[in-house]
Amino acid sequence: MFKRTLFFIAPLALLIGCSGNVQNPVDRITYRDEPLVRDVETGMTQARVLSIGGEPSRATARTVVPGLCHDYILNRDGKQQPYYVSFDSAGRVDGQGFLTCKQLEENQRNLRR
């Protein structure tokens, strides 16, 4: 009985955990050598991120979760890819990925419904 329950719950948990962060895994491979992707880690200060990635193309206040979000544009082989780095209310990195800050906000808003 326990194994049956585990076989049901484990895939369900994986689906739920991944549902709010829809990103293309190929982007992670393509841009893995970019300093923002490679070097930025959860908990870093905003000043440290700025020293790694430079000024963002846009910085916006977050509305769903208190904090700030930086939009960057990564370039490789003539292709532009959005990338965000989000900060909590203390100015520490709490997320990053291949979305715009607007898309991040939409995902977070949808998860709270």
PDB file of N, CA and C in Angstrom:
ATOM      1  N   MET A   1       0.825  -1.195   0.000  1.00  0.00           N
ATOM      2  CA  MET A   1       0.000   0.000   0.000  1.00  0.00           C
ATOM      3  C   MET A   1       0.868   1.258   0.000  1.00  0.00           C
ATOM      4  N   PHE A   2       1.912   1.244   0.811  1.00  0.00           N
ATOM      5  CA  PHE A   2       2.793   2.408   0.906  1.00  0.00           C
ATOM      6  C   PHE A   2       3.464   2.696  -0.429  1.00  0.00           C
ATOM      7  N   LYS A   3       3.923   1.641  -1.116  1.00  0.00           N
ATOM      8  CA  LYS A   3       4.595   1.818  -2.406  1.00  0.00           C
ATOM      9  C   LYS A   3       3.640   2.404  -3.444  1.00  0.00           C
ATOM     10  N   ARG A   4       2.405   1.961  -3.437  1.00  0.00           N
ATOM     11  CA  ARG A   4       1.421   2.498  -4.381  1.00  0.00           C
ATOM     12  C   ARG A   4       1.209   3.986  -4.137  1.00  0.00           C
ATOM     13  N   THR A   5       1.080   4.341  -2.897  1.00  0.00           N
ATOM     14  CA  THR A   5       0.886   5.741  -2.550  1.00  0.00           C
ATOM     15  C   THR A   5       2.096   6.565  -2.966  1.00  0.00           C
ATOM     16  N   LEU A   6       3.280   6.053  -2.706  1.00  0.00           N
ATOM     17  CA  LEU A   6       4.511   6.752  -3.072  1.00  0.00           C
ATOM     18  C   LEU A   6       4.617   6.924  -4.580  1.00  0.00           C
ATOM     19  N   PHE A   7       4.276   5.893  -5.338  1.00  0.00           N
ATOM     20  CA  PHE A   7       4.329   5.975  -6.800  1.00  0.00           C
ATOM     21  C   PHE A   7       3.331   6.994  -7.343  1.00  0.00           C
ATOM     22  N   PHE A   8       2.276   7.252  -6.622  1.00  0.00           N
ATOM     23  CA  PHE A   8       1.295   8.246  -7.042  1.00  0.00           C
ATOM     24  C   PHE A   8       1.723   9.651  -6.631  1.00  0.00           C
ATOM     25  N   ILE A   9       2.208   9.789  -5.417  1.00  0.00           N
ATOM     26  CA  ILE A   9       2.531  11.109  -4.878  1.00  0.00           C
ATOM     27  C   ILE A   9       3.810  11.690  -5.480  1.00  0.00           C
ATOM     28  N   ALA A  10       4.830  10.890  -5.696  1.00  0.00           N
ATOM     29  CA  ALA A  10       6.111  11.406  -6.206  1.00  0.00           C
ATOM     30  C   ALA A  10       5.961  12.106  -7.558  1.00  0.00           C
ATOM     31  N   PRO A  11       5.349  11.480  -8.570  1.00  0.00           N
ATOM     32  CA  PRO A  11       5.190  12.196  -9.848  1.00  0.00           C
ATOM     33  C   PRO A  11       4.295  13.427  -9.726  1.00  0.00           C
ATOM     34  N   LEU A  12       3.282  13.337  -8.888  1.00  0.00           N
ATOM     35  CA  LEU A  12       2.395  14.470  -8.685  1.00  0.00           C
ATOM     36  C   LEU A  12       3.164  15.646  -8.085  1.00  0.00           C
ATOM     37  N   ALA A  13       4.005  15.378  -7.108  1.00  0.00           N
ATOM     38  CA  ALA A  13       4.816  16.431  -6.493  1.00  0.00           C
ATOM     39  C   ALA A  13       5.769  17.055  -7.506  1.00  0.00           C
ATOM     40  N   LEU A  14       6.354  16.242  -8.357  1.00  0.00           N
ATOM     41  CA  LEU A  14       7.242  16.768  -9.396  1.00  0.00           C
ATOM     42  C   LEU A  14       6.487  17.680 -10.356  1.00  0.00           C
ATOM     43  N   LEU A  15       5.308  17.276 -10.755  1.00  0.00           N
ATOM     44  CA  LEU A  15       4.517  18.097 -11.664  1.00  0.00           C
ATOM     45  C   LEU A  15       4.131  19.421 -11.026  1.00  0.00           C
ATOM     46  N   ILE A  16       3.710  19.379  -9.797  1.00  0.00           N
ATOM     47  CA  ILE A  16       3.316  20.602  -9.104  1.00  0.00           C
ATOM     48  C   ILE A  16       4.520  21.512  -8.911  1.00  0.00           C
ATOM     49  N   GLY A  17       5.646  20.963  -8.532  1.00  0.00           N
ATOM     50  CA  GLY A  17       6.849  21.758  -8.299  1.00  0.00           C
ATOM     51  C   GLY A  17       7.374  22.434  -9.542  1.00  0.00           C
ATOM     52  N   CYS A  18       7.198  21.822 -10.678  1.00  0.00           N
ATOM     53  CA  CYS A  18       7.720  22.372 -11.932  1.00  0.00           C
ATOM     54  C   CYS A  18       6.701  23.208 -12.688  1.00  0.00           C
ATOM     55  N   SER A  19       5.469  23.208 -12.265  1.00  0.00           N
ATOM     56  CA  SER A  19       4.423  23.869 -13.044  1.00  0.00           C
ATOM     57  C   SER A  19       4.551  25.381 -13.072  1.00  0.00           C
ATOM     58  N   GLY A  20       5.124  25.991 -12.068  1.00  0.00           N
ATOM     59  CA  GLY A  20       5.200  27.443 -12.028  1.00  0.00           C
ATOM     60  C   GLY A  20       6.469  28.017 -12.601  1.00  0.00           C
ATOM     61  N   ASN A  21       7.347  27.197 -13.079  1.00  0.00           N
ATOM     62  CA  ASN A  21       8.635  27.690 -13.549  1.00  0.00           C
ATOM     63  C   ASN A  21       8.924  27.120 -14.934  1.00  0.00           C
ATOM     64  N   VAL A  22       8.096  27.495 -15.890  1.00  0.00           N
ATOM     65  CA  VAL A  22       8.210  26.948 -17.233  1.00  0.00           C
ATOM     66  C   VAL A  22       9.361  27.637 -17.956  1.00  0.00           C
ATOM     67  N   GLN A  23      10.420  26.889 -18.199  1.00  0.00           N
ATOM     68  CA  GLN A  23      11.588  27.407 -18.890  1.00  0.00           C
ATOM     69  C   GLN A  23      12.145  26.319 -19.787  1.00  0.00           C
ATOM     70  N   ASN A  24      12.817  26.733 -20.821  1.00  0.00           N
ATOM     71  CA  ASN A  24      13.398  25.800 -21.769  1.00  0.00           C
ATOM     72  C   ASN A  24      14.753  25.323 -21.252  1.00  0.00           C
ATOM     73  N   PRO A  25      14.927  24.023 -20.978  1.00  0.00           N
ATOM     74  CA  PRO A  25      16.214  23.534 -20.468  1.00  0.00           C
ATOM     75  C   PRO A  25      17.361  23.721 -21.462  1.00  0.00           C
ATOM     76  N   VAL A  26      17.055  23.832 -22.745  1.00  0.00           N
ATOM     77  CA  VAL A  26      18.101  24.062 -23.745  1.00  0.00           C
ATOM     78  C   VAL A  26      18.775  25.410 -23.495  1.00  0.00           C
ATOM     79  N   ASP A  27      18.006  26.399 -23.023  1.00  0.00           N
ATOM     80  CA  ASP A  27      18.584  27.709 -22.730  1.00  0.00           C
ATOM     81  C   ASP A  27      19.659  27.617 -21.654  1.00  0.00           C
ATOM     82  N   ARG A  28      19.433  26.794 -20.642  1.00  0.00           N
ATOM     83  CA  ARG A  28      20.416  26.631 -19.566  1.00  0.00           C
ATOM     84  C   ARG A  28      21.728  26.099 -20.144  1.00  0.00           C
ATOM     85  N   ILE A  29      21.650  25.198 -21.101  1.00  0.00           N
ATOM     86  CA  ILE A  29      22.858  24.643 -21.726  1.00  0.00           C
ATOM     87  C   ILE A  29      23.504  25.674 -22.644  1.00  0.00           C
ATOM     88  N   THR A  30      22.700  26.332 -23.454  1.00  0.00           N
ATOM     89  CA  THR A  30      23.221  27.303 -24.416  1.00  0.00           C
ATOM     90  C   THR A  30      23.941  28.453 -23.730  1.00  0.00           C
ATOM     91  N   TYR A  31      23.390  28.950 -22.633  1.00  0.00           N
ATOM     92  CA  TYR A  31      23.925  30.141 -21.971  1.00  0.00           C
ATOM     93  C   TYR A  31      24.675  29.825 -20.678  1.00  0.00           C
ATOM     94  N   ARG A  32      25.060  28.587 -20.461  1.00  0.00           N
ATOM     95  CA  ARG A  32      25.684  28.192 -19.191  1.00  0.00           C
ATOM     96  C   ARG A  32      26.993  28.913 -18.897  1.00  0.00           C
ATOM     97  N   ASP A  33      27.685  29.419 -19.917  1.00  0.00           N
ATOM     98  CA  ASP A  33      28.952  30.111 -19.700  1.00  0.00           C
ATOM     99  C   ASP A  33      28.796  31.617 -19.506  1.00  0.00           C
ATOM    100  N   GLU A  34      27.582  32.127 -19.605  1.00  0.00           N
ATOM    101  CA  GLU A  34      27.344  33.545 -19.345  1.00  0.00           C
ATOM    102  C   GLU A  34      27.523  33.792 -17.846  1.00  0.00           C
ATOM    103  N   PRO A  35      28.213  34.871 -17.471  1.00  0.00           N
ATOM    104  CA  PRO A  35      28.469  35.128 -16.046  1.00  0.00           C
ATOM    105  C   PRO A  35      27.208  35.141 -15.175  1.00  0.00           C
ATOM    106  N   LEU A  36      26.125  35.729 -15.659  1.00  0.00           N
ATOM    107  CA  LEU A  36      24.894  35.756 -14.855  1.00  0.00           C
ATOM    108  C   LEU A  36      24.371  34.357 -14.584  1.00  0.00           C
ATOM    109  N   VAL A  37      24.406  33.506 -15.583  1.00  0.00           N
ATOM    110  CA  VAL A  37      23.894  32.140 -15.440  1.00  0.00           C
ATOM    111  C   VAL A  37      24.845  31.305 -14.596  1.00  0.00           C
ATOM    112  N   ARG A  38      26.122  31.445 -14.849  1.00  0.00           N
ATOM    113  CA  ARG A  38      27.137  30.603 -14.214  1.00  0.00           C
ATOM    114  C   ARG A  38      27.437  31.018 -12.766  1.00  0.00           C
ATOM    115  N   ASP A  39      27.496  32.314 -12.495  1.00  0.00           N
ATOM    116  CA  ASP A  39      28.047  32.782 -11.221  1.00  0.00           C
ATOM    117  C   ASP A  39      27.035  33.266 -10.186  1.00  0.00           C
ATOM    118  N   VAL A  40      25.859  33.688 -10.611  1.00  0.00           N
ATOM    119  CA  VAL A  40      24.883  34.215  -9.652  1.00  0.00           C
ATOM    120  C   VAL A  40      24.250  33.057  -8.887  1.00  0.00           C
ATOM    121  N   GLU A  41      24.190  33.217  -7.565  1.00  0.00           N
ATOM    122  CA  GLU A  41      23.644  32.173  -6.694  1.00  0.00           C
ATOM    123  C   GLU A  41      22.609  32.758  -5.745  1.00  0.00           C
ATOM    124  N   THR A  42      21.705  31.925  -5.303  1.00  0.00           N
ATOM    125  CA  THR A  42      20.700  32.332  -4.327  1.00  0.00           C
ATOM    126  C   THR A  42      21.395  32.856  -3.075  1.00  0.00           C
ATOM    127  N   GLY A  43      20.916  33.995  -2.581  1.00  0.00           N
ATOM    128  CA  GLY A  43      21.480  34.595  -1.379  1.00  0.00           C
ATOM    129  C   GLY A  43      22.503  35.686  -1.644  1.00  0.00           C
ATOM    130  N   MET A  44      22.963  35.825  -2.879  1.00  0.00           N
ATOM    131  CA  MET A  44      23.929  36.879  -3.217  1.00  0.00           C
ATOM    132  C   MET A  44      23.293  38.251  -3.044  1.00  0.00           C
ATOM    133  N   THR A  45      24.120  39.237  -2.774  1.00  0.00           N
ATOM    134  CA  THR A  45      23.616  40.598  -2.656  1.00  0.00           C
ATOM    135  C   THR A  45      23.386  41.204  -4.035  1.00  0.00           C
ATOM    136  N   GLN A  46      22.568  42.219  -4.056  1.00  0.00           N
ATOM    137  CA  GLN A  46      22.294  42.921  -5.304  1.00  0.00           C
ATOM    138  C   GLN A  46      23.573  43.560  -5.846  1.00  0.00           C
ATOM    139  N   ALA A  47      24.402  44.106  -4.973  1.00  0.00           N
ATOM    140  CA  ALA A  47      25.665  44.720  -5.407  1.00  0.00           C
ATOM    141  C   ALA A  47      26.567  43.697  -6.088  1.00  0.00           C
ATOM    142  N   ARG A  48      26.616  42.492  -5.556  1.00  0.00           N
ATOM    143  CA  ARG A  48      27.454  41.443  -6.151  1.00  0.00           C
ATOM    144  C   ARG A  48      26.934  41.051  -7.534  1.00  0.00           C
ATOM    145  N   VAL A  49      25.616  40.945  -7.673  1.00  0.00           N
ATOM    146  CA  VAL A  49      25.026  40.613  -8.974  1.00  0.00           C
ATOM    147  C   VAL A  49      25.344  41.709  -9.987  1.00  0.00           C
ATOM    148  N   LEU A  50      25.244  42.968  -9.567  1.00  0.00           N
ATOM    149  CA  LEU A  50      25.568  44.072 -10.471  1.00  0.00           C
ATOM    150  C   LEU A  50      27.031  44.037 -10.897  1.00  0.00           C
ATOM    151  N   SER A  51      27.914  43.615 -10.000  1.00  0.00           N
ATOM    152  CA  SER A  51      29.332  43.519 -10.371  1.00  0.00           C
ATOM    153  C   SER A  51      29.572  42.371 -11.353  1.00  0.00           C
ATOM    154  N   ILE A  52      28.756  41.343 -11.305  1.00  0.00           N
ATOM    155  CA  ILE A  52      28.893  40.204 -12.221  1.00  0.00           C
ATOM    156  C   ILE A  52      28.250  40.506 -13.574  1.00  0.00           C
ATOM    157  N   GLY A  53      27.018  41.002 -13.542  1.00  0.00           N
ATOM    158  CA  GLY A  53      26.249  41.152 -14.777  1.00  0.00           C
ATOM    159  C   GLY A  53      26.111  42.559 -15.305  1.00  0.00           C
ATOM    160  N   GLY A  54      26.553  43.544 -14.532  1.00  0.00           N
ATOM    161  CA  GLY A  54      26.394  44.927 -14.960  1.00  0.00           C
ATOM    162  C   GLY A  54      24.973  45.418 -14.731  1.00  0.00           C
ATOM    163  N   GLU A  55      24.716  46.598 -15.255  1.00  0.00           N
ATOM    164  CA  GLU A  55      23.390  47.190 -15.098  1.00  0.00           C
ATOM    165  C   GLU A  55      22.358  46.390 -15.896  1.00  0.00           C
ATOM    166  N   PRO A  56      21.194  46.148 -15.312  1.00  0.00           N
ATOM    167  CA  PRO A  56      20.150  45.421 -16.044  1.00  0.00           C
ATOM    168  C   PRO A  56      19.524  46.314 -17.111  1.00  0.00           C
ATOM    169  N   SER A  57      18.854  45.702 -18.053  1.00  0.00           N
ATOM    170  CA  SER A  57      18.147  46.492 -19.060  1.00  0.00           C
ATOM    171  C   SER A  57      16.913  47.154 -18.443  1.00  0.00           C
ATOM    172  N   ARG A  58      16.420  46.553 -17.354  1.00  0.00           N
ATOM    173  CA  ARG A  58      15.282  47.122 -16.637  1.00  0.00           C
ATOM    174  C   ARG A  58      15.277  46.590 -15.211  1.00  0.00           C
ATOM    175  N   ALA A  59      14.906  47.444 -14.276  1.00  0.00           N
ATOM    176  CA  ALA A  59      14.734  47.043 -12.878  1.00  0.00           C
ATOM    177  C   ALA A  59      13.327  47.454 -12.459  1.00  0.00           C
ATOM    178  N   THR A  60      12.570  46.503 -11.910  1.00  0.00           N
ATOM    179  CA  THR A  60      11.195  46.788 -11.517  1.00  0.00           C
ATOM    180  C   THR A  60      10.918  46.254 -10.118  1.00  0.00           C
ATOM    181  N   ALA A  61      10.013  46.950  -9.436  1.00  0.00           N
ATOM    182  CA  ALA A  61       9.566  46.474  -8.129  1.00  0.00           C
ATOM    183  C   ALA A  61       8.625  45.296  -8.348  1.00  0.00           C
ATOM    184  N   ARG A  62       8.759  44.282  -7.514  1.00  0.00           N
ATOM    185  CA  ARG A  62       7.876  43.116  -7.598  1.00  0.00           C
ATOM    186  C   ARG A  62       6.589  43.422  -6.849  1.00  0.00           C
ATOM    187  N   THR A  63       5.494  42.887  -7.347  1.00  0.00           N
ATOM    188  CA  THR A  63       4.206  43.168  -6.720  1.00  0.00           C
ATOM    189  C   THR A  63       3.619  41.963  -5.996  1.00  0.00           C
ATOM    190  N   VAL A  64       3.910  40.760  -6.462  1.00  0.00           N
ATOM    191  CA  VAL A  64       3.345  39.560  -5.836  1.00  0.00           C
ATOM    192  C   VAL A  64       4.129  39.204  -4.585  1.00  0.00           C
ATOM    193  N   VAL A  65       5.444  39.233  -4.695  1.00  0.00           N
ATOM    194  CA  VAL A  65       6.354  38.978  -3.577  1.00  0.00           C
ATOM    195  C   VAL A  65       7.188  40.242  -3.409  1.00  0.00           C
ATOM    196  N   PRO A  66       7.315  40.783  -2.195  1.00  0.00           N
ATOM    197  CA  PRO A  66       8.091  42.008  -2.025  1.00  0.00           C
ATOM    198  C   PRO A  66       9.535  41.835  -2.489  1.00  0.00           C
ATOM    199  N   GLY A  67      10.037  42.841  -3.167  1.00  0.00           N
ATOM    200  CA  GLY A  67      11.415  42.812  -3.630  1.00  0.00           C
ATOM    201  C   GLY A  67      11.578  43.546  -4.944  1.00  0.00           C
ATOM    202  N   LEU A  68      12.636  43.196  -5.655  1.00  0.00           N
ATOM    203  CA  LEU A  68      13.013  43.853  -6.898  1.00  0.00           C
ATOM    204  C   LEU A  68      13.363  42.788  -7.924  1.00  0.00           C
ATOM    205  N   CYS A  69      13.208  43.112  -9.190  1.00  0.00           N
ATOM    206  CA  CYS A  69      13.554  42.163 -10.246  1.00  0.00           C
ATOM    207  C   CYS A  69      14.343  42.878 -11.335  1.00  0.00           C
ATOM    208  N   HIS A  70      15.424  42.260 -11.776  1.00  0.00           N
ATOM    209  CA  HIS A  70      16.260  42.803 -12.847  1.00  0.00           C
ATOM    210  C   HIS A  70      16.073  41.981 -14.110  1.00  0.00           C
ATOM    211  N   ASP A  71      15.787  42.658 -15.211  1.00  0.00           N
ATOM    212  CA  ASP A  71      15.731  42.025 -16.529  1.00  0.00           C
ATOM    213  C   ASP A  71      17.068  42.218 -17.225  1.00  0.00           C
ATOM    214  N   TYR A  72      17.598  41.151 -17.778  1.00  0.00           N
ATOM    215  CA  TYR A  72      18.814  41.197 -18.592  1.00  0.00           C
ATOM    216  C   TYR A  72      18.494  40.580 -19.949  1.00  0.00           C
ATOM    217  N   ILE A  73      19.269  40.934 -20.946  1.00  0.00           N
ATOM    218  CA  ILE A  73      19.168  40.318 -22.269  1.00  0.00           C
ATOM    219  C   ILE A  73      20.506  39.652 -22.557  1.00  0.00           C
ATOM    220  N   LEU A  74      20.480  38.336 -22.694  1.00  0.00           N
ATOM    221  CA  LEU A  74      21.685  37.581 -23.037  1.00  0.00           C
ATOM    222  C   LEU A  74      21.751  37.445 -24.559  1.00  0.00           C
ATOM    223  N   ASN A  75      22.939  37.556 -25.113  1.00  0.00           N
ATOM    224  CA  ASN A  75      23.127  37.447 -26.562  1.00  0.00           C
ATOM    225  C   ASN A  75      24.096  36.327 -26.879  1.00  0.00           C
ATOM    226  N   ARG A  76      23.718  35.503 -27.847  1.00  0.00           N
ATOM    227  CA  ARG A  76      24.614  34.436 -28.310  1.00  0.00           C
ATOM    228  C   ARG A  76      24.236  34.083 -29.743  1.00  0.00           C
ATOM    229  N   ASP A  77      25.210  34.129 -30.608  1.00  0.00           N
ATOM    230  CA  ASP A  77      25.017  33.781 -32.024  1.00  0.00           C
ATOM    231  C   ASP A  77      23.857  34.549 -32.651  1.00  0.00           C
ATOM    232  N   GLY A  78      23.748  35.826 -32.310  1.00  0.00           N
ATOM    233  CA  GLY A  78      22.706  36.669 -32.885  1.00  0.00           C
ATOM    234  C   GLY A  78      21.325  36.473 -32.295  1.00  0.00           C
ATOM    235  N   LYS A  79      21.200  35.602 -31.308  1.00  0.00           N
ATOM    236  CA  LYS A  79      19.906  35.348 -30.669  1.00  0.00           C
ATOM    237  C   LYS A  79      19.871  36.043 -29.312  1.00  0.00           C
ATOM    238  N   GLN A  80      18.771  36.727 -29.038  1.00  0.00           N
ATOM    239  CA  GLN A  80      18.600  37.381 -27.744  1.00  0.00           C
ATOM    240  C   GLN A  80      17.693  36.536 -26.864  1.00  0.00           C
ATOM    241  N   GLN A  81      18.071  36.434 -25.594  1.00  0.00           N
ATOM    242  CA  GLN A  81      17.319  35.621 -24.642  1.00  0.00           C
ATOM    243  C   GLN A  81      17.102  36.424 -23.364  1.00  0.00           C
ATOM    244  N   PRO A  82      15.843  36.601 -22.930  1.00  0.00           N
ATOM    245  CA  PRO A  82      15.617  37.287 -21.658  1.00  0.00           C
ATOM    246  C   PRO A  82      16.091  36.427 -20.487  1.00  0.00           C
ATOM    247  N   TYR A  83      16.532  37.102 -19.439  1.00  0.00           N
ATOM    248  CA  TYR A  83      16.984  36.434 -18.223  1.00  0.00           C
ATOM    249  C   TYR A  83      16.673  37.363 -17.058  1.00  0.00           C
ATOM    250  N   TYR A  84      16.109  36.828 -16.005  1.00  0.00           N
ATOM    251  CA  TYR A  84      15.803  37.661 -14.842  1.00  0.00           C
ATOM    252  C   TYR A  84      16.618  37.209 -13.634  1.00  0.00           C
ATOM    253  N   VAL A  85      16.858  38.161 -12.745  1.00  0.00           N
ATOM    254  CA  VAL A  85      17.398  37.870 -11.418  1.00  0.00           C
ATOM    255  C   VAL A  85      16.489  38.610 -10.451  1.00  0.00           C
ATOM    256  N   SER A  86      15.863  37.882  -9.533  1.00  0.00           N
ATOM    257  CA  SER A  86      14.947  38.508  -8.581  1.00  0.00           C
ATOM    258  C   SER A  86      15.580  38.561  -7.195  1.00  0.00           C
ATOM    259  N   PHE A  87      15.203  39.602  -6.472  1.00  0.00           N
ATOM    260  CA  PHE A  87      15.743  39.850  -5.135  1.00  0.00           C
ATOM    261  C   PHE A  87      14.596  39.942  -4.145  1.00  0.00           C
ATOM    262  N   ASP A  88      14.832  39.445  -2.936  1.00  0.00           N
ATOM    263  CA  ASP A  88      13.821  39.563  -1.890  1.00  0.00           C
ATOM    264  C   ASP A  88      13.864  40.970  -1.300  1.00  0.00           C
ATOM    265  N   SER A  89      13.055  41.213  -0.288  1.00  0.00           N
ATOM    266  CA  SER A  89      12.975  42.551   0.304  1.00  0.00           C
ATOM    267  C   SER A  89      14.261  42.956   1.013  1.00  0.00           C
ATOM    268  N   ALA A  90      15.139  42.000   1.310  1.00  0.00           N
ATOM    269  CA  ALA A  90      16.430  42.306   1.938  1.00  0.00           C
ATOM    270  C   ALA A  90      17.528  42.547   0.898  1.00  0.00           C
ATOM    271  N   GLY A  91      17.190  42.453  -0.393  1.00  0.00           N
ATOM    272  CA  GLY A  91      18.175  42.691  -1.441  1.00  0.00           C
ATOM    273  C   GLY A  91      19.044  41.494  -1.770  1.00  0.00           C
ATOM    274  N   ARG A  92      18.575  40.299  -1.435  1.00  0.00           N
ATOM    275  CA  ARG A  92      19.311  39.060  -1.721  1.00  0.00           C
ATOM    276  C   ARG A  92      18.617  38.281  -2.838  1.00  0.00           C
ATOM    277  N   VAL A  93      19.400  37.619  -3.675  1.00  0.00           N
ATOM    278  CA  VAL A  93      18.850  36.843  -4.791  1.00  0.00           C
ATOM    279  C   VAL A  93      17.946  35.739  -4.252  1.00  0.00           C
ATOM    280  N   ASP A  94      16.726  35.686  -4.779  1.00  0.00           N
ATOM    281  CA  ASP A  94      15.827  34.586  -4.415  1.00  0.00           C
ATOM    282  C   ASP A  94      15.334  33.825  -5.642  1.00  0.00           C
ATOM    283  N   GLY A  95      15.801  34.221  -6.825  1.00  0.00           N
ATOM    284  CA  GLY A  95      15.424  33.494  -8.030  1.00  0.00           C
ATOM    285  C   GLY A  95      16.121  34.041  -9.257  1.00  0.00           C
ATOM    286  N   GLN A  96      16.195  33.197 -10.274  1.00  0.00           N
ATOM    287  CA  GLN A  96      16.771  33.601 -11.559  1.00  0.00           C
ATOM    288  C   GLN A  96      16.317  32.613 -12.609  1.00  0.00           C
ATOM    289  N   GLY A  97      16.284  33.059 -13.847  1.00  0.00           N
ATOM    290  CA  GLY A  97      15.878  32.137 -14.893  1.00  0.00           C
ATOM    291  C   GLY A  97      15.655  32.807 -16.227  1.00  0.00           C
ATOM    292  N   PHE A  98      15.241  32.008 -17.186  1.00  0.00           N
ATOM    293  CA  PHE A  98      15.087  32.443 -18.568  1.00  0.00           C
ATOM    294  C   PHE A  98      13.666  32.916 -18.848  1.00  0.00           C
ATOM    295  N   LEU A  99      13.248  33.904 -18.099  1.00  0.00           N
ATOM    296  CA  LEU A  99      11.965  34.571 -18.268  1.00  0.00           C
ATOM    297  C   LEU A  99      12.214  36.063 -18.124  1.00  0.00           C
ATOM    298  N   THR A 100      11.222  36.863 -18.445  1.00  0.00           N
ATOM    299  CA  THR A 100      11.285  38.276 -18.097  1.00  0.00           C
ATOM    300  C   THR A 100      10.703  38.430 -16.694  1.00  0.00           C
ATOM    301  N   CYS A 101      10.945  39.562 -16.087  1.00  0.00           N
ATOM    302  CA  CYS A 101      10.365  39.816 -14.765  1.00  0.00           C
ATOM    303  C   CYS A 101       8.838  39.823 -14.846  1.00  0.00           C
ATOM    304  N   LYS A 102       8.310  40.307 -15.955  1.00  0.00           N
ATOM    305  CA  LYS A 102       6.857  40.318 -16.143  1.00  0.00           C
ATOM    306  C   LYS A 102       6.313  38.892 -16.163  1.00  0.00           C
ATOM    307  N   GLN A 103       6.991  37.992 -16.866  1.00  0.00           N
ATOM    308  CA  GLN A 103       6.559  36.593 -16.906  1.00  0.00           C
ATOM    309  C   GLN A 103       6.665  35.952 -15.522  1.00  0.00           C
ATOM    310  N   LEU A 104       7.714  36.288 -14.784  1.00  0.00           N
ATOM    311  CA  LEU A 104       7.870  35.781 -13.420  1.00  0.00           C
ATOM    312  C   LEU A 104       6.688  36.209 -12.560  1.00  0.00           C
ATOM    313  N   GLU A 105       6.339  37.488 -12.629  1.00  0.00           N
ATOM    314  CA  GLU A 105       5.213  38.006 -11.850  1.00  0.00           C
ATOM    315  C   GLU A 105       3.911  37.292 -12.223  1.00  0.00           C
ATOM    316  N   GLU A 106       3.692  37.082 -13.523  1.00  0.00           N
ATOM    317  CA  GLU A 106       2.479  36.389 -13.968  1.00  0.00           C
ATOM    318  C   GLU A 106       2.435  34.968 -13.415  1.00  0.00           C
ATOM    319  N   ASN A 107       3.565  34.264 -13.471  1.00  0.00           N
ATOM    320  CA  ASN A 107       3.628  32.899 -12.927  1.00  0.00           C
ATOM    321  C   ASN A 107       3.335  32.892 -11.433  1.00  0.00           C
ATOM    322  N   GLN A 108       3.936  33.819 -10.691  1.00  0.00           N
ATOM    323  CA  GLN A 108       3.718  33.872  -9.247  1.00  0.00           C
ATOM    324  C   GLN A 108       2.271  34.220  -8.928  1.00  0.00           C
ATOM    325  N   ARG A 109       1.698  35.126  -9.694  1.00  0.00           N
ATOM    326  CA  ARG A 109       0.299  35.501  -9.485  1.00  0.00           C
ATOM    327  C   ARG A 109      -0.619  34.303  -9.742  1.00  0.00           C
ATOM    328  N   ASN A 110      -0.343  33.549 -10.807  1.00  0.00           N
ATOM    329  CA  ASN A 110      -1.161  32.373 -11.130  1.00  0.00           C
ATOM    330  C   ASN A 110      -1.036  31.285 -10.073  1.00  0.00           C
ATOM    331  N   LEU A 111       0.136  31.133  -9.476  1.00  0.00           N
ATOM    332  CA  LEU A 111       0.324  30.123  -8.432  1.00  0.00           C
ATOM    333  C   LEU A 111      -0.457  30.455  -7.167  1.00  0.00           C
ATOM    334  N   ARG A 112      -0.703  31.725  -6.935  1.00  0.00           N
ATOM    335  CA  ARG A 112      -1.412  32.142  -5.717  1.00  0.00           C
ATOM    336  C   ARG A 112      -2.924  32.044  -5.848  1.00  0.00           C
ATOM    337  N   ARG A 113      -3.404  31.778  -7.036  1.00  0.00           N
ATOM    338  CA  ARG A 113      -4.864  31.672  -7.238  1.00  0.00           C
ATOM    339  C   ARG A 113      -5.389  30.382  -6.701  1.00  0.00           C
TER     340      ARG A 113
END
